[in-house]
């Protein structure tokens, strides 16, 4: 088994940026969509959120890529069982736990909206898990389920001697094949396949990516222009780019890999000590990822559904709630040893 690598603070810094701007702020935009705001208007004062999302289009590829950088390779069969059980505790238990918590608050919202029914409480969530890998109460958790299958698939493929580039190709061919033939459900197949491809790239390039000698200003500009190229071909990783054409899908895949390499190098150059709080968030990224959607539902239920507060104000309330609540929840959850986050 490979030696455990020391924690790379630059990766935590990059992870913190993605969690804050790509995940939390990106998902917070749905609070505005439920209000009276018109996000399609380019002059919308909070349109900046959408712009940031477009520039950080490679958020989900990066998370799979980063996980691949720390992938474990096993040579003996008896080494697999502890890894499997560890993955269950690290990914599947949080998946189930936070799905249940999220569904509880989602049902409360349905009660307030007078939309509660037996079907929406029991049947609909099961259909959602089968079709889209997560439920409305905590939609982002599809990533945990997909990453579990990615880790298991990658480990087995490496055990039989498959090269990283072959694994990356296999994953991409499956994902692109489903996209080409317009097959999008169950999403877990394409989520796992595409995730497996980026995961394999992460393991293959974990050392090679840092051999690029380039001033950080050049890296920043390169990242900027690469994102400019992809602004009109954004691909939703979760649904395998169901709304994107084939050319956009291919461009998304290629530019994502290049952007990840550039961003990781940029993070090493731009890692300011004064921004250590971003690194801290990156270190605890799993907690923030699993909890933030639940906080959005709670704030949306109270501010929008109950009190009909303007969406701009609701958004500000949400951000303040994030700042006050998420670190506290993270502190409390880290004390729960049965929940490895």
Protein backbone atom coordinates (compact mmCIF):
# COMPACT_ATOMS: atom_id res chain seq x y z
CA UNK A 1 0.00 0.00 0.00
CA UNK A 2 1.25 3.47 -0.82
CA UNK A 3 2.62 5.69 1.93
CA UNK A 4 0.24 8.26 3.31
CA UNK A 5 1.07 11.70 1.97
CA UNK A 6 1.42 14.70 4.21
CA UNK A 7 -1.47 17.14 4.06
CA UNK A 8 -0.95 19.80 1.39
CA UNK A 9 -2.16 23.13 2.75
CA UNK A 10 -2.30 24.61 -0.76
CA UNK A 11 -4.91 22.01 -1.67
CA UNK A 12 -6.88 22.92 1.45
CA UNK A 13 -6.65 26.56 0.40
CA UNK A 14 -7.96 25.70 -3.07
CA UNK A 15 -10.66 23.52 -1.53
CA UNK A 16 -11.76 26.38 0.72
CA UNK A 17 -12.14 28.67 -2.30
CA UNK A 18 -14.25 26.08 -4.11
CA UNK A 19 -16.43 25.39 -1.06
CA UNK A 20 -17.10 29.09 -0.43
CA UNK A 21 -17.55 30.45 -3.94
CA UNK A 22 -18.31 27.40 -6.05
CA UNK A 23 -20.55 25.38 -3.74
CA UNK A 24 -22.05 27.44 -0.91
CA UNK A 25 -22.53 30.72 -2.80
CA UNK A 26 -23.52 28.85 -5.94
CA UNK A 27 -26.23 26.88 -4.20
CA UNK A 28 -27.33 29.95 -2.25
CA UNK A 29 -28.41 31.40 -5.58
CA UNK A 30 -31.44 29.12 -5.53
CA UNK A 31 -32.80 31.23 -2.65
CA UNK A 32 -32.93 34.15 -5.04
CA UNK A 33 -34.53 32.04 -7.74
CA UNK A 34 -37.39 31.25 -5.37
CA UNK A 35 -37.97 34.93 -4.67
CA UNK A 36 -39.00 37.80 -6.87
CA UNK A 37 -35.57 38.39 -8.38
CA UNK A 38 -34.81 38.10 -12.05
CA UNK A 39 -31.42 36.43 -12.27
CA UNK A 40 -31.54 36.39 -16.05
CA UNK A 41 -31.10 40.15 -16.01
CA UNK A 42 -27.42 40.88 -16.61
CA UNK A 43 -27.66 44.00 -14.45
CA UNK A 44 -28.82 42.03 -11.42
CA UNK A 45 -26.60 43.19 -8.53
CA UNK A 46 -26.11 39.62 -7.35
CA UNK A 47 -25.44 38.28 -10.83
CA UNK A 48 -21.83 38.17 -9.66
CA UNK A 49 -22.63 34.85 -7.99
CA UNK A 50 -23.52 33.32 -11.32
CA UNK A 51 -20.39 34.78 -12.92
CA UNK A 52 -18.21 33.25 -10.21
CA UNK A 53 -19.87 29.89 -10.81
CA UNK A 54 -19.12 30.13 -14.51
CA UNK A 55 -15.48 30.88 -13.83
CA UNK A 56 -15.25 27.98 -11.40
CA UNK A 57 -16.90 25.56 -13.80
CA UNK A 58 -14.40 22.82 -12.88
CA UNK A 59 -15.40 22.66 -9.19
CA UNK A 60 -16.75 19.10 -9.21
CA UNK A 61 -14.02 17.72 -11.52
CA UNK A 62 -11.50 19.24 -9.09
CA UNK A 63 -13.00 17.42 -6.08
CA UNK A 64 -12.75 14.05 -7.83
CA UNK A 65 -9.27 14.93 -9.12
CA UNK A 66 -8.11 15.90 -5.63
CA UNK A 67 -9.47 12.65 -4.16
CA UNK A 68 -7.52 10.76 -6.81
CA UNK A 69 -4.30 12.44 -5.74
CA UNK A 70 -4.58 10.55 -2.45
CA UNK A 71 -5.83 7.27 -3.86
CA UNK A 72 -4.53 4.10 -2.24
CA UNK A 73 -3.22 1.19 -4.29
CA UNK A 74 -3.54 -2.30 -2.84
CA UNK A 75 -1.47 -5.34 -3.72
CA UNK A 76 -3.11 -7.81 -1.32
CA UNK A 77 -6.76 -8.81 -1.05
CA UNK A 78 -6.85 -8.50 2.75
CA UNK A 79 -6.03 -4.77 2.45
CA UNK A 80 -9.26 -4.03 0.62
CA UNK A 81 -11.72 -4.78 3.44
CA UNK A 82 -10.45 -2.05 5.83
CA UNK A 83 -10.46 0.41 2.92
CA UNK A 84 -14.03 -0.54 2.01
CA UNK A 85 -15.25 -0.20 5.60
CA UNK A 86 -13.42 3.10 5.94
CA UNK A 87 -15.10 4.39 2.78
CA UNK A 88 -18.49 3.31 4.12
CA UNK A 89 -17.88 5.24 7.34
CA UNK A 90 -16.39 8.24 5.54
CA UNK A 91 -18.92 8.52 2.70
CA UNK A 92 -22.02 6.33 3.00
CA UNK A 93 -22.82 6.97 6.66
CA UNK A 94 -22.69 10.78 6.20
CA UNK A 95 -24.70 10.32 3.01
CA UNK A 96 -27.50 8.52 4.87
CA UNK A 97 -27.34 10.66 8.01
CA UNK A 98 -27.42 14.06 6.30
CA UNK A 99 -30.00 12.86 3.78
CA UNK A 100 -32.36 11.98 6.63
CA UNK A 101 -31.75 15.30 8.41
CA UNK A 102 -32.24 17.22 5.19
CA UNK A 103 -35.42 15.33 4.35
CA UNK A 104 -36.88 16.16 7.75
CA UNK A 105 -36.45 19.89 7.19
CA UNK A 106 -37.67 19.55 3.60
CA UNK A 107 -40.88 17.93 4.88
CA UNK A 108 -41.35 20.82 7.30
CA UNK A 109 -41.08 23.18 4.35
CA UNK A 110 -43.69 21.14 2.47
CA UNK A 111 -46.05 21.39 5.45
CA UNK A 112 -45.71 25.18 5.48
CA UNK A 113 -46.28 25.26 1.72
CA UNK A 114 -49.34 22.98 2.14
CA UNK A 115 -47.81 20.46 -0.26
CA UNK A 116 -47.20 17.57 2.12
CA UNK A 117 -48.33 14.09 1.08
CA UNK A 118 -47.48 10.44 1.66
CA UNK A 119 -45.97 10.27 -1.81
CA UNK A 120 -43.62 13.22 -1.22
CA UNK A 121 -42.55 11.93 2.20
CA UNK A 122 -41.84 8.29 1.32
CA UNK A 123 -42.13 7.45 -2.39
CA UNK A 124 -40.61 10.49 -4.07
CA UNK A 125 -37.30 10.37 -2.11
CA UNK A 126 -36.77 6.73 -3.09
CA UNK A 127 -37.35 7.59 -6.75
CA UNK A 128 -34.92 10.49 -6.45
CA UNK A 129 -32.16 8.31 -4.97
CA UNK A 130 -32.59 5.78 -7.77
CA UNK A 131 -32.76 8.35 -10.57
CA UNK A 132 -30.57 11.27 -9.47
CA UNK A 133 -28.55 9.82 -6.54
CA UNK A 134 -29.80 12.26 -3.87
CA UNK A 135 -32.98 13.78 -2.49
CA UNK A 136 -34.42 17.30 -2.47
CA UNK A 137 -33.62 17.63 1.22
CA UNK A 138 -29.89 17.49 0.45
CA UNK A 139 -29.27 17.38 -3.29
CA UNK A 140 -25.45 17.91 -3.20
CA UNK A 141 -24.96 14.57 -1.44
CA UNK A 142 -24.87 12.79 -4.80
CA UNK A 143 -21.14 13.52 -4.69
CA UNK A 144 -20.61 11.29 -1.64
CA UNK A 145 -22.39 8.35 -3.22
CA UNK A 146 -20.56 8.81 -6.52
CA UNK A 147 -17.18 9.16 -4.80
CA UNK A 148 -17.78 5.91 -2.91
CA UNK A 149 -18.36 4.01 -6.16
CA UNK A 150 -15.43 5.83 -7.79
CA UNK A 151 -13.07 4.77 -5.01
CA UNK A 152 -14.22 1.16 -5.14
CA UNK A 153 -14.08 1.00 -8.95
CA UNK A 154 -10.64 2.60 -9.11
CA UNK A 155 -9.22 0.30 -6.44
CA UNK A 156 -10.46 -2.82 -8.21
CA UNK A 157 -9.22 -1.66 -11.62
CA UNK A 158 -5.79 -0.85 -10.22
CA UNK A 159 -5.70 -4.22 -8.46
CA UNK A 160 -5.97 -6.01 -11.81
CA UNK A 161 -3.22 -3.82 -13.24
CA UNK A 162 -5.12 -1.17 -15.20
CA UNK A 163 -3.11 1.99 -15.91
CA UNK A 164 -4.39 5.38 -14.76
CA UNK A 165 -4.74 6.65 -18.34
CA UNK A 166 -6.72 3.54 -19.27
CA UNK A 167 -9.03 4.10 -16.30
CA UNK A 168 -9.46 7.76 -17.25
CA UNK A 169 -10.31 6.74 -20.81
CA UNK A 170 -12.78 4.06 -19.69
CA UNK A 171 -14.60 6.49 -17.41
CA UNK A 172 -14.77 9.21 -20.02
CA UNK A 173 -15.95 6.88 -22.80
CA UNK A 174 -18.80 5.59 -20.61
CA UNK A 175 -19.85 9.09 -19.53
CA UNK A 176 -19.60 10.57 -23.01
CA UNK A 177 -21.36 7.55 -24.51
CA UNK A 178 -24.35 8.07 -22.22
CA UNK A 179 -24.33 11.78 -23.09
CA UNK A 180 -24.04 11.11 -26.83
CA UNK A 181 -27.00 8.73 -26.82
CA UNK A 182 -28.96 11.02 -24.51
CA UNK A 183 -29.16 8.51 -21.64
CA UNK A 184 -29.16 10.39 -18.34
CA UNK A 185 -30.76 8.14 -15.74
CA UNK A 186 -29.84 6.67 -13.40
CA UNK A 187 -27.35 9.50 -12.94
CA UNK A 188 -25.12 7.50 -10.62
CA UNK A 189 -23.68 5.65 -13.64
CA UNK A 190 -22.43 8.77 -15.39
CA UNK A 191 -21.53 10.51 -12.11
CA UNK A 192 -19.32 7.54 -11.23
CA UNK A 193 -17.86 7.18 -14.72
CA UNK A 194 -16.97 10.83 -15.18
CA UNK A 195 -15.79 11.08 -11.58
CA UNK A 196 -13.62 7.98 -12.10
CA UNK A 197 -11.97 9.63 -15.10
CA UNK A 198 -10.98 12.77 -13.18
CA UNK A 199 -10.03 10.62 -10.17
CA UNK A 200 -7.57 8.67 -12.33
CA UNK A 201 -6.15 11.90 -13.77
CA UNK A 202 -5.60 13.12 -10.23
CA UNK A 203 -3.55 10.07 -9.32
CA UNK A 204 -1.60 10.12 -12.57
CA UNK A 205 -0.73 13.84 -12.36
CA UNK A 206 -0.33 14.19 -8.58
CA UNK A 207 3.40 14.87 -8.92
CA UNK A 208 3.66 15.80 -12.59
CA UNK A 209 1.27 18.75 -12.30
CA UNK A 210 3.69 20.69 -10.07
CA UNK A 211 6.60 20.47 -12.48
CA UNK A 212 5.15 23.37 -14.47
CA UNK A 213 7.45 26.36 -13.96
CA UNK A 214 5.37 29.46 -14.50
CA UNK A 215 5.09 32.78 -12.60
CA UNK A 216 1.87 32.96 -10.62
CA UNK A 217 0.72 36.03 -12.57
CA UNK A 218 0.92 34.07 -15.81
CA UNK A 219 -0.93 31.18 -14.16
CA UNK A 220 -3.69 33.52 -13.03
CA UNK A 221 -4.07 35.04 -16.51
CA UNK A 222 -4.03 31.62 -18.14
CA UNK A 223 -6.78 30.44 -15.81
CA UNK A 224 -8.78 33.57 -16.56
CA UNK A 225 -8.62 33.13 -20.32
CA UNK A 226 -9.30 29.40 -20.15
CA UNK A 227 -12.45 30.17 -18.21
CA UNK A 228 -13.41 32.81 -20.78
CA UNK A 229 -13.22 30.12 -23.45
CA UNK A 230 -15.59 27.85 -21.53
CA UNK A 231 -18.15 30.42 -20.42
CA UNK A 232 -20.57 29.33 -23.13
CA UNK A 233 -20.12 25.57 -22.73
CA UNK A 234 -20.75 24.97 -19.04
CA UNK A 235 -21.55 21.33 -18.27
CA UNK A 236 -23.49 20.31 -15.18
CA UNK A 237 -21.46 17.44 -13.75
CA UNK A 238 -24.39 16.10 -11.73
CA UNK A 239 -26.60 15.35 -14.75
CA UNK A 240 -23.72 14.63 -17.15
CA UNK A 241 -24.31 17.78 -19.17
CA UNK A 242 -27.83 16.91 -20.28
CA UNK A 243 -28.28 20.43 -21.71
CA UNK A 244 -24.86 20.67 -23.40
CA UNK A 245 -23.98 19.65 -26.95
CA UNK A 246 -21.25 17.12 -27.73
CA UNK A 247 -18.66 19.77 -28.64
CA UNK A 248 -19.23 21.63 -25.37
CA UNK A 249 -18.93 18.38 -23.44
CA UNK A 250 -15.57 17.52 -24.99
CA UNK A 251 -14.27 21.04 -24.45
CA UNK A 252 -15.48 20.98 -20.85
CA UNK A 253 -13.56 17.78 -20.18
CA UNK A 254 -10.29 18.96 -21.72
CA UNK A 255 -10.33 22.48 -20.31
CA UNK A 256 -11.31 21.17 -16.86
CA UNK A 257 -8.13 19.08 -16.66
CA UNK A 258 -5.97 22.01 -17.79
CA UNK A 259 -7.71 24.42 -15.43
CA UNK A 260 -7.28 22.07 -12.48
CA UNK A 261 -3.55 21.81 -13.11
CA UNK A 262 -3.21 25.57 -13.45
CA UNK A 263 -5.37 26.28 -10.39
CA UNK A 264 -3.43 23.86 -8.20
CA UNK A 265 -0.17 25.54 -9.21
CA UNK A 266 -1.72 28.96 -8.70
CA UNK A 267 -2.86 27.95 -5.20
CA UNK A 268 0.73 27.13 -4.25
CA UNK A 269 1.95 30.57 -5.38
CA UNK A 270 -1.03 32.52 -4.04
CA UNK A 271 -1.36 30.77 -0.70
CA UNK A 272 -1.34 33.78 1.65
CA UNK A 273 -0.94 33.22 5.37
CA UNK A 274 -3.47 36.00 5.96
CA UNK A 275 -6.12 33.83 4.32
CA UNK A 276 -5.63 30.88 6.65
CA UNK A 277 -9.37 30.87 7.42
CA UNK A 278 -9.97 29.74 3.84
CA UNK A 279 -7.52 26.88 4.39
CA UNK A 280 -9.36 25.93 7.58
CA UNK A 281 -12.65 25.73 5.69
CA UNK A 282 -10.92 23.58 3.09
CA UNK A 283 -9.70 21.21 5.80
CA UNK A 284 -13.26 20.80 7.06
CA UNK A 285 -14.83 20.89 3.61
CA UNK A 286 -16.86 17.71 4.05
CA UNK A 287 -18.85 19.18 6.95
CA UNK A 288 -19.58 22.40 5.10
CA UNK A 289 -20.54 20.45 1.99
CA UNK A 290 -22.94 18.13 3.82
CA UNK A 291 -24.61 20.79 5.97
CA UNK A 292 -24.92 23.94 3.84
CA UNK A 293 -27.95 22.74 1.82
CA UNK A 294 -29.89 22.05 5.03
CA UNK A 295 -29.15 25.59 6.22
CA UNK A 296 -30.44 26.93 2.90
CA UNK A 297 -33.70 25.00 3.29
CA UNK A 298 -34.20 26.27 6.85
CA UNK A 299 -33.56 29.92 5.90
CA UNK A 300 -35.72 29.59 2.80
CA UNK A 301 -38.56 28.09 4.83
CA UNK A 302 -38.51 30.85 7.42
CA UNK A 303 -37.68 33.92 5.33
CA UNK A 304 -39.39 33.12 2.02
CA UNK A 305 -42.19 30.66 2.81
CA UNK A 306 -43.27 31.93 6.22
CA UNK A 307 -42.51 35.66 6.22
CA UNK A 308 -42.22 36.37 2.47
CA UNK A 309 -39.10 38.44 2.95
CA UNK A 310 -37.58 39.95 -0.18
CA UNK A 311 -35.09 37.59 -1.79
CA UNK A 312 -32.20 40.08 -1.56
CA UNK A 313 -32.71 40.39 2.19
CA UNK A 314 -33.19 36.63 2.49
CA UNK A 315 -29.91 36.10 0.72
CA UNK A 316 -28.11 38.42 3.17
CA UNK A 317 -29.76 36.58 6.06
CA UNK A 318 -28.55 33.30 4.58
CA UNK A 319 -24.94 34.49 4.30
CA UNK A 320 -24.99 35.76 7.89
CA UNK A 321 -26.45 32.41 8.98
CA UNK A 322 -23.69 30.57 7.14
CA UNK A 323 -21.03 32.63 8.89
CA UNK A 324 -22.59 32.16 12.34
CA UNK A 325 -23.86 28.59 12.12
CA UNK A 326 -21.60 26.51 9.86
CA UNK A 327 -18.40 26.83 11.97
CA UNK A 328 -20.39 25.95 15.10
CA UNK A 329 -21.96 22.90 13.48
CA UNK A 330 -18.54 21.88 12.19
CA UNK A 331 -17.10 22.11 15.72
CA UNK A 332 -19.89 19.98 17.17
CA UNK A 333 -19.80 17.34 14.44
CA UNK A 334 -16.04 16.88 14.73
CA UNK A 335 -16.65 15.64 18.29
CA UNK A 336 -18.85 12.82 16.95
CA UNK A 337 -16.30 10.05 16.40
CA UNK A 338 -18.83 7.78 14.73
CA UNK A 339 -19.21 10.40 11.98
CA UNK A 340 -15.93 10.71 10.14
CA UNK A 341 -15.94 14.05 8.33
